[in-house]
Amino acid sequence: ESSAGVAVGARSGLAAVVTGILFL
């Protein structure tokens, strides 16, 4: 499902950090 984030422009680890913070 990370490909959904890539599809809207994510290219770096910052997107994964944002995802991790939201899970917390």
mmCIF file of all heavy atoms, coordinates in Angstrom:
data_MODEL
# 
_entry.id   MODEL 
# 
loop_
_atom_site.group_PDB 
_atom_site.id 
_atom_site.type_symbol 
_atom_site.label_atom_id 
_atom_site.label_alt_id 
_atom_site.label_comp_id 
_atom_site.label_asym_id 
_atom_site.label_entity_id 
_atom_site.label_seq_id 
_atom_site.pdbx_PDB_ins_code 
_atom_site.Cartn_x 
_atom_site.Cartn_y 
_atom_site.Cartn_z 
_atom_site.occupancy 
_atom_site.B_iso_or_equiv 
_atom_site.pdbx_formal_charge 
_atom_site.auth_seq_id 
_atom_site.auth_comp_id 
_atom_site.auth_asym_id 
_atom_site.auth_atom_id 
_atom_site.pdbx_PDB_model_num 
ATOM 1   N N   . GLU A 1 1  ? 0.816  -1.218 0.000  1.00 0.00 ? 1  GLU A N   1 
ATOM 2   C CA  . GLU A 1 1  ? 0.000  0.000  0.000  1.00 0.00 ? 1  GLU A CA  1 
ATOM 3   C C   . GLU A 1 1  ? 0.850  1.269  0.000  1.00 0.00 ? 1  GLU A C   1 
ATOM 4   O O   . GLU A 1 1  ? 0.350  2.354  -0.285 1.00 0.00 ? 1  GLU A O   1 
ATOM 5   C CB  . GLU A 1 1  ? -0.932 0.010  1.222  1.00 0.00 ? 1  GLU A CB  1 
ATOM 6   C CG  . GLU A 1 1  ? -2.148 -0.887 1.098  1.00 0.00 ? 1  GLU A CG  1 
ATOM 7   C CD  . GLU A 1 1  ? -1.853 -2.331 1.468  1.00 0.00 ? 1  GLU A CD  1 
ATOM 8   O OE1 . GLU A 1 1  ? -0.667 -2.667 1.713  1.00 0.00 ? 1  GLU A OE1 1 
ATOM 9   O OE2 . GLU A 1 1  ? -2.795 -3.132 1.516  1.00 0.00 ? 1  GLU A OE2 1 
ATOM 10  N N   . SER A 1 2  ? 2.155  1.114  0.283  1.00 0.00 ? 2  SER A N   1 
ATOM 11  C CA  . SER A 1 2  ? 3.070  2.255  0.204  1.00 0.00 ? 2  SER A CA  1 
ATOM 12  C C   . SER A 1 2  ? 3.083  2.843  -1.197 1.00 0.00 ? 2  SER A C   1 
ATOM 13  O O   . SER A 1 2  ? 3.405  4.020  -1.389 1.00 0.00 ? 2  SER A O   1 
ATOM 14  C CB  . SER A 1 2  ? 4.488  1.824  0.589  1.00 0.00 ? 2  SER A CB  1 
ATOM 15  O OG  . SER A 1 2  ? 4.520  1.212  1.857  1.00 0.00 ? 2  SER A OG  1 
ATOM 16  N N   . SER A 1 3  ? 2.733  2.017  -2.178 1.00 0.00 ? 3  SER A N   1 
ATOM 17  C CA  . SER A 1 3  ? 2.695  2.500  -3.555 1.00 0.00 ? 3  SER A CA  1 
ATOM 18  C C   . SER A 1 3  ? 1.635  3.586  -3.729 1.00 0.00 ? 3  SER A C   1 
ATOM 19  O O   . SER A 1 3  ? 1.726  4.403  -4.648 1.00 0.00 ? 3  SER A O   1 
ATOM 20  C CB  . SER A 1 3  ? 2.432  1.350  -4.521 1.00 0.00 ? 3  SER A CB  1 
ATOM 21  O OG  . SER A 1 3  ? 1.294  0.611  -4.133 1.00 0.00 ? 3  SER A OG  1 
ATOM 22  N N   . ALA A 1 4  ? 0.641  3.612  -2.844 1.00 0.00 ? 4  ALA A N   1 
ATOM 23  C CA  . ALA A 1 4  ? -0.355 4.700  -2.895 1.00 0.00 ? 4  ALA A CA  1 
ATOM 24  C C   . ALA A 1 4  ? 0.297  6.026  -2.554 1.00 0.00 ? 4  ALA A C   1 
ATOM 25  O O   . ALA A 1 4  ? 0.008  7.061  -3.160 1.00 0.00 ? 4  ALA A O   1 
ATOM 26  C CB  . ALA A 1 4  ? -1.504 4.400  -1.934 1.00 0.00 ? 4  ALA A CB  1 
ATOM 27  N N   . GLY A 1 5  ? 1.198  6.005  -1.570 1.00 0.00 ? 5  GLY A N   1 
ATOM 28  C CA  . GLY A 1 5  ? 1.932  7.219  -1.224 1.00 0.00 ? 5  GLY A CA  1 
ATOM 29  C C   . GLY A 1 5  ? 2.876  7.643  -2.331 1.00 0.00 ? 5  GLY A C   1 
ATOM 30  O O   . GLY A 1 5  ? 3.009  8.844  -2.630 1.00 0.00 ? 5  GLY A O   1 
ATOM 31  N N   . VAL A 1 6  ? 3.538  6.676  -2.949 1.00 0.00 ? 6  VAL A N   1 
ATOM 32  C CA  . VAL A 1 6  ? 4.426  6.978  -4.071 1.00 0.00 ? 6  VAL A CA  1 
ATOM 33  C C   . VAL A 1 6  ? 3.633  7.574  -5.225 1.00 0.00 ? 6  VAL A C   1 
ATOM 34  O O   . VAL A 1 6  ? 4.091  8.497  -5.911 1.00 0.00 ? 6  VAL A O   1 
ATOM 35  C CB  . VAL A 1 6  ? 5.167  5.699  -4.523 1.00 0.00 ? 6  VAL A CB  1 
ATOM 36  C CG1 . VAL A 1 6  ? 5.923  5.942  -5.828 1.00 0.00 ? 6  VAL A CG1 1 
ATOM 37  C CG2 . VAL A 1 6  ? 6.126  5.234  -3.435 1.00 0.00 ? 6  VAL A CG2 1 
ATOM 38  N N   . ALA A 1 7  ? 2.422  7.076  -5.428 1.00 0.00 ? 7  ALA A N   1 
ATOM 39  C CA  . ALA A 1 7  ? 1.586  7.553  -6.531 1.00 0.00 ? 7  ALA A CA  1 
ATOM 40  C C   . ALA A 1 7  ? 1.219  9.029  -6.384 1.00 0.00 ? 7  ALA A C   1 
ATOM 41  O O   . ALA A 1 7  ? 0.974  9.707  -7.385 1.00 0.00 ? 7  ALA A O   1 
ATOM 42  C CB  . ALA A 1 7  ? 0.318  6.710  -6.635 1.00 0.00 ? 7  ALA A CB  1 
ATOM 43  N N   . VAL A 1 8  ? 1.191  9.535  -5.144 1.00 0.00 ? 8  VAL A N   1 
ATOM 44  C CA  . VAL A 1 8  ? 0.872  10.956 -4.946 1.00 0.00 ? 8  VAL A CA  1 
ATOM 45  C C   . VAL A 1 8  ? 2.127  11.794 -4.771 1.00 0.00 ? 8  VAL A C   1 
ATOM 46  O O   . VAL A 1 8  ? 2.050  12.972 -4.425 1.00 0.00 ? 8  VAL A O   1 
ATOM 47  C CB  . VAL A 1 8  ? -0.077 11.166 -3.745 1.00 0.00 ? 8  VAL A CB  1 
ATOM 48  C CG1 . VAL A 1 8  ? -1.389 10.461 -3.964 1.00 0.00 ? 8  VAL A CG1 1 
ATOM 49  C CG2 . VAL A 1 8  ? 0.574  10.716 -2.450 1.00 0.00 ? 8  VAL A CG2 1 
ATOM 50  N N   . GLY A 1 9  ? 3.307  11.202 -5.004 1.00 0.00 ? 9  GLY A N   1 
ATOM 51  C CA  . GLY A 1 9  ? 4.526  12.006 -5.042 1.00 0.00 ? 9  GLY A CA  1 
ATOM 52  C C   . GLY A 1 9  ? 5.619  11.656 -4.061 1.00 0.00 ? 9  GLY A C   1 
ATOM 53  O O   . GLY A 1 9  ? 6.705  12.231 -4.127 1.00 0.00 ? 9  GLY A O   1 
ATOM 54  N N   . ALA A 1 10 ? 5.386  10.763 -3.111 1.00 0.00 ? 10 ALA A N   1 
ATOM 55  C CA  . ALA A 1 10 ? 6.411  10.426 -2.123 1.00 0.00 ? 10 ALA A CA  1 
ATOM 56  C C   . ALA A 1 10 ? 7.607  9.753  -2.798 1.00 0.00 ? 10 ALA A C   1 
ATOM 57  O O   . ALA A 1 10 ? 7.432  8.867  -3.631 1.00 0.00 ? 10 ALA A O   1 
ATOM 58  C CB  . ALA A 1 10 ? 5.832  9.510  -1.052 1.00 0.00 ? 10 ALA A CB  1 
ATOM 59  N N   . ARG A 1 11 ? 8.816  10.176 -2.404 1.00 0.00 ? 11 ARG A N   1 
ATOM 60  C CA  . ARG A 1 11 ? 10.029 9.593  -2.979 1.00 0.00 ? 11 ARG A CA  1 
ATOM 61  C C   . ARG A 1 11 ? 11.104 9.336  -1.922 1.00 0.00 ? 11 ARG A C   1 
ATOM 62  O O   . ARG A 1 11 ? 12.090 8.657  -2.214 1.00 0.00 ? 11 ARG A O   1 
ATOM 63  C CB  . ARG A 1 11 ? 10.622 10.540 -4.045 1.00 0.00 ? 11 ARG A CB  1 
ATOM 64  C CG  . ARG A 1 11 ? 9.780  10.696 -5.302 1.00 0.00 ? 11 ARG A CG  1 
ATOM 65  C CD  . ARG A 1 11 ? 9.693  9.399  -6.069 1.00 0.00 ? 11 ARG A CD  1 
ATOM 66  N NE  . ARG A 1 11 ? 8.925  9.517  -7.298 1.00 0.00 ? 11 ARG A NE  1 
ATOM 67  C CZ  . ARG A 1 11 ? 7.609  9.370  -7.381 1.00 0.00 ? 11 ARG A CZ  1 
ATOM 68  N NH1 . ARG A 1 11 ? 6.908  9.108  -6.288 1.00 0.00 ? 11 ARG A NH1 1 
ATOM 69  N NH2 . ARG A 1 11 ? 6.990  9.477  -8.530 1.00 0.00 ? 11 ARG A NH2 1 
ATOM 70  N N   . SER A 1 12 ? 10.959 9.865  -0.732 1.00 0.00 ? 12 SER A N   1 
ATOM 71  C CA  . SER A 1 12 ? 12.026 9.776  0.266  1.00 0.00 ? 12 SER A CA  1 
ATOM 72  C C   . SER A 1 12 ? 11.543 9.116  1.550  1.00 0.00 ? 12 SER A C   1 
ATOM 73  O O   . SER A 1 12 ? 10.362 8.840  1.730  1.00 0.00 ? 12 SER A O   1 
ATOM 74  C CB  . SER A 1 12 ? 12.560 11.179 0.581  1.00 0.00 ? 12 SER A CB  1 
ATOM 75  O OG  . SER A 1 12 ? 11.675 11.859 1.459  1.00 0.00 ? 12 SER A OG  1 
ATOM 76  N N   . GLY A 1 13 ? 12.500 8.900  2.454  1.00 0.00 ? 13 GLY A N   1 
ATOM 77  C CA  . GLY A 1 13 ? 12.178 8.306  3.746  1.00 0.00 ? 13 GLY A CA  1 
ATOM 78  C C   . GLY A 1 13 ? 11.321 9.185  4.627  1.00 0.00 ? 13 GLY A C   1 
ATOM 79  O O   . GLY A 1 13 ? 10.737 8.703  5.604  1.00 0.00 ? 13 GLY A O   1 
ATOM 80  N N   . LEU A 1 14 ? 11.226 10.474 4.293  1.00 0.00 ? 14 LEU A N   1 
ATOM 81  C CA  . LEU A 1 14 ? 10.393 11.367 5.093  1.00 0.00 ? 14 LEU A CA  1 
ATOM 82  C C   . LEU A 1 14 ? 8.940  10.895 5.093  1.00 0.00 ? 14 LEU A C   1 
ATOM 83  O O   . LEU A 1 14 ? 8.245  11.001 6.104  1.00 0.00 ? 14 LEU A O   1 
ATOM 84  C CB  . LEU A 1 14 ? 10.480 12.793 4.546  1.00 0.00 ? 14 LEU A CB  1 
ATOM 85  C CG  . LEU A 1 14 ? 9.647  13.856 5.272  1.00 0.00 ? 14 LEU A CG  1 
ATOM 86  C CD1 . LEU A 1 14 ? 9.990  13.914 6.757  1.00 0.00 ? 14 LEU A CD1 1 
ATOM 87  C CD2 . LEU A 1 14 ? 9.845  15.226 4.616  1.00 0.00 ? 14 LEU A CD2 1 
ATOM 88  N N   . ALA A 1 15 ? 8.477  10.367 3.958  1.00 0.00 ? 15 ALA A N   1 
ATOM 89  C CA  . ALA A 1 15 ? 7.104  9.865  3.882  1.00 0.00 ? 15 ALA A CA  1 
ATOM 90  C C   . ALA A 1 15 ? 6.899  8.718  4.862  1.00 0.00 ? 15 ALA A C   1 
ATOM 91  O O   . ALA A 1 15 ? 5.871  8.641  5.545  1.00 0.00 ? 15 ALA A O   1 
ATOM 92  C CB  . ALA A 1 15 ? 6.784  9.402  2.467  1.00 0.00 ? 15 ALA A CB  1 
ATOM 93  N N   . ALA A 1 16 ? 7.888  7.807  4.967  1.00 0.00 ? 16 ALA A N   1 
ATOM 94  C CA  . ALA A 1 16 ? 7.787  6.688  5.900  1.00 0.00 ? 16 ALA A CA  1 
ATOM 95  C C   . ALA A 1 16 ? 7.804  7.171  7.346  1.00 0.00 ? 16 ALA A C   1 
ATOM 96  O O   . ALA A 1 16 ? 7.123  6.612  8.212  1.00 0.00 ? 16 ALA A O   1 
ATOM 97  C CB  . ALA A 1 16 ? 8.917  5.700  5.657  1.00 0.00 ? 16 ALA A CB  1 
ATOM 98  N N   . VAL A 1 17 ? 8.580  8.227  7.606  1.00 0.00 ? 17 VAL A N   1 
ATOM 99  C CA  . VAL A 1 17 ? 8.612  8.809  8.961  1.00 0.00 ? 17 VAL A CA  1 
ATOM 100 C C   . VAL A 1 17 ? 7.241  9.370  9.313  1.00 0.00 ? 17 VAL A C   1 
ATOM 101 O O   . VAL A 1 17 ? 6.739  9.180  10.431 1.00 0.00 ? 17 VAL A O   1 
ATOM 102 C CB  . VAL A 1 17 ? 9.696  9.898  9.052  1.00 0.00 ? 17 VAL A CB  1 
ATOM 103 C CG1 . VAL A 1 17 ? 9.574  10.675 10.366 1.00 0.00 ? 17 VAL A CG1 1 
ATOM 104 C CG2 . VAL A 1 17 ? 11.080 9.282  8.933  1.00 0.00 ? 17 VAL A CG2 1 
ATOM 105 N N   . VAL A 1 18 ? 6.625  10.066 8.370  1.00 0.00 ? 18 VAL A N   1 
ATOM 106 C CA  . VAL A 1 18 ? 5.274  10.598 8.589  1.00 0.00 ? 18 VAL A CA  1 
ATOM 107 C C   . VAL A 1 18 ? 4.303  9.455  8.875  1.00 0.00 ? 18 VAL A C   1 
ATOM 108 O O   . VAL A 1 18 ? 3.482  9.526  9.802  1.00 0.00 ? 18 VAL A O   1 
ATOM 109 C CB  . VAL A 1 18 ? 4.804  11.407 7.355  1.00 0.00 ? 18 VAL A CB  1 
ATOM 110 C CG1 . VAL A 1 18 ? 3.321  11.767 7.482  1.00 0.00 ? 18 VAL A CG1 1 
ATOM 111 C CG2 . VAL A 1 18 ? 5.645  12.662 7.197  1.00 0.00 ? 18 VAL A CG2 1 
ATOM 112 N N   . THR A 1 19 ? 4.402  8.381  8.099  1.00 0.00 ? 19 THR A N   1 
ATOM 113 C CA  . THR A 1 19 ? 3.543  7.206  8.315  1.00 0.00 ? 19 THR A CA  1 
ATOM 114 C C   . THR A 1 19 ? 3.750  6.637  9.705  1.00 0.00 ? 19 THR A C   1 
ATOM 115 O O   . THR A 1 19 ? 2.785  6.308  10.412 1.00 0.00 ? 19 THR A O   1 
ATOM 116 C CB  . THR A 1 19 ? 3.836  6.124  7.262  1.00 0.00 ? 19 THR A CB  1 
ATOM 117 O OG1 . THR A 1 19 ? 3.590  6.658  5.951  1.00 0.00 ? 19 THR A OG1 1 
ATOM 118 C CG2 . THR A 1 19 ? 2.957  4.901  7.471  1.00 0.00 ? 19 THR A CG2 1 
ATOM 119 N N   . GLY A 1 20 ? 5.008  6.520  10.136 1.00 0.00 ? 20 GLY A N   1 
ATOM 120 C CA  . GLY A 1 20 ? 5.313  5.985  11.463 1.00 0.00 ? 20 GLY A CA  1 
ATOM 121 C C   . GLY A 1 20 ? 4.748  6.841  12.578 1.00 0.00 ? 20 GLY A C   1 
ATOM 122 O O   . GLY A 1 20 ? 4.193  6.328  13.555 1.00 0.00 ? 20 GLY A O   1 
ATOM 123 N N   . ILE A 1 21 ? 4.882  8.150  12.446 1.00 0.00 ? 21 ILE A N   1 
ATOM 124 C CA  . ILE A 1 21 ? 4.350  9.067  13.470 1.00 0.00 ? 21 ILE A CA  1 
ATOM 125 C C   . ILE A 1 21 ? 2.829  8.943  13.558 1.00 0.00 ? 21 ILE A C   1 
ATOM 126 O O   . ILE A 1 21 ? 2.251  8.944  14.652 1.00 0.00 ? 21 ILE A O   1 
ATOM 127 C CB  . ILE A 1 21 ? 4.763  10.514 13.146 1.00 0.00 ? 21 ILE A CB  1 
ATOM 128 C CG1 . ILE A 1 21 ? 6.282  10.676 13.321 1.00 0.00 ? 21 ILE A CG1 1 
ATOM 129 C CG2 . ILE A 1 21 ? 4.014  11.512 14.040 1.00 0.00 ? 21 ILE A CG2 1 
ATOM 130 C CD1 . ILE A 1 21 ? 6.816  12.013 12.844 1.00 0.00 ? 21 ILE A CD1 1 
ATOM 131 N N   . LEU A 1 22 ? 2.177  8.815  12.403 1.00 0.00 ? 22 LEU A N   1 
ATOM 132 C CA  . LEU A 1 22 ? 0.719  8.682  12.397 1.00 0.00 ? 22 LEU A CA  1 
ATOM 133 C C   . LEU A 1 22 ? 0.272  7.371  13.049 1.00 0.00 ? 22 LEU A C   1 
ATOM 134 O O   . LEU A 1 22 ? -0.772 7.334  13.705 1.00 0.00 ? 22 LEU A O   1 
ATOM 135 C CB  . LEU A 1 22 ? 0.197  8.771  10.961 1.00 0.00 ? 22 LEU A CB  1 
ATOM 136 C CG  . LEU A 1 22 ? 0.307  10.154 10.314 1.00 0.00 ? 22 LEU A CG  1 
ATOM 137 C CD1 . LEU A 1 22 ? -0.035 10.104 8.840  1.00 0.00 ? 22 LEU A CD1 1 
ATOM 138 C CD2 . LEU A 1 22 ? -0.604 11.154 11.038 1.00 0.00 ? 22 LEU A CD2 1 
ATOM 139 N N   . PHE A 1 23 ? 1.050  6.318  12.888 1.00 0.00 ? 23 PHE A N   1 
ATOM 140 C CA  . PHE A 1 23 ? 0.728  5.063  13.576 1.00 0.00 ? 23 PHE A CA  1 
ATOM 141 C C   . PHE A 1 23 ? 0.835  5.232  15.088 1.00 0.00 ? 23 PHE A C   1 
ATOM 142 O O   . PHE A 1 23 ? 0.023  4.684  15.844 1.00 0.00 ? 23 PHE A O   1 
ATOM 143 C CB  . PHE A 1 23 ? 1.628  3.927  13.104 1.00 0.00 ? 23 PHE A CB  1 
ATOM 144 C CG  . PHE A 1 23 ? 1.082  3.165  11.936 1.00 0.00 ? 23 PHE A CG  1 
ATOM 145 C CD1 . PHE A 1 23 ? 1.697  3.217  10.691 1.00 0.00 ? 23 PHE A CD1 1 
ATOM 146 C CD2 . PHE A 1 23 ? -0.059 2.388  12.067 1.00 0.00 ? 23 PHE A CD2 1 
ATOM 147 C CE1 . PHE A 1 23 ? 1.186  2.510  9.611  1.00 0.00 ? 23 PHE A CE1 1 
ATOM 148 C CE2 . PHE A 1 23 ? -0.583 1.675  10.999 1.00 0.00 ? 23 PHE A CE2 1 
ATOM 149 C CZ  . PHE A 1 23 ? 0.050  1.740  9.765  1.00 0.00 ? 23 PHE A CZ  1 
ATOM 150 N N   . LEU A 1 24 ? 1.826  5.996  15.549 1.00 0.00 ? 24 LEU A N   1 
ATOM 151 C CA  . LEU A 1 24 ? 1.924  6.268  16.989 1.00 0.00 ? 24 LEU A CA  1 
ATOM 152 C C   . LEU A 1 24 ? 0.723  7.071  17.476 1.00 0.00 ? 24 LEU A C   1 
ATOM 153 O O   . LEU A 1 24 ? 0.143  6.778  18.533 1.00 0.00 ? 24 LEU A O   1 
ATOM 154 C CB  . LEU A 1 24 ? 3.220  7.024  17.294 1.00 0.00 ? 24 LEU A CB  1 
ATOM 155 C CG  . LEU A 1 24 ? 4.506  6.208  17.346 1.00 0.00 ? 24 LEU A CG  1 
ATOM 156 C CD1 . LEU A 1 24 ? 5.696  7.124  17.630 1.00 0.00 ? 24 LEU A CD1 1 
ATOM 157 C CD2 . LEU A 1 24 ? 4.420  5.116  18.421 1.00 0.00 ? 24 LEU A CD2 1 
# 
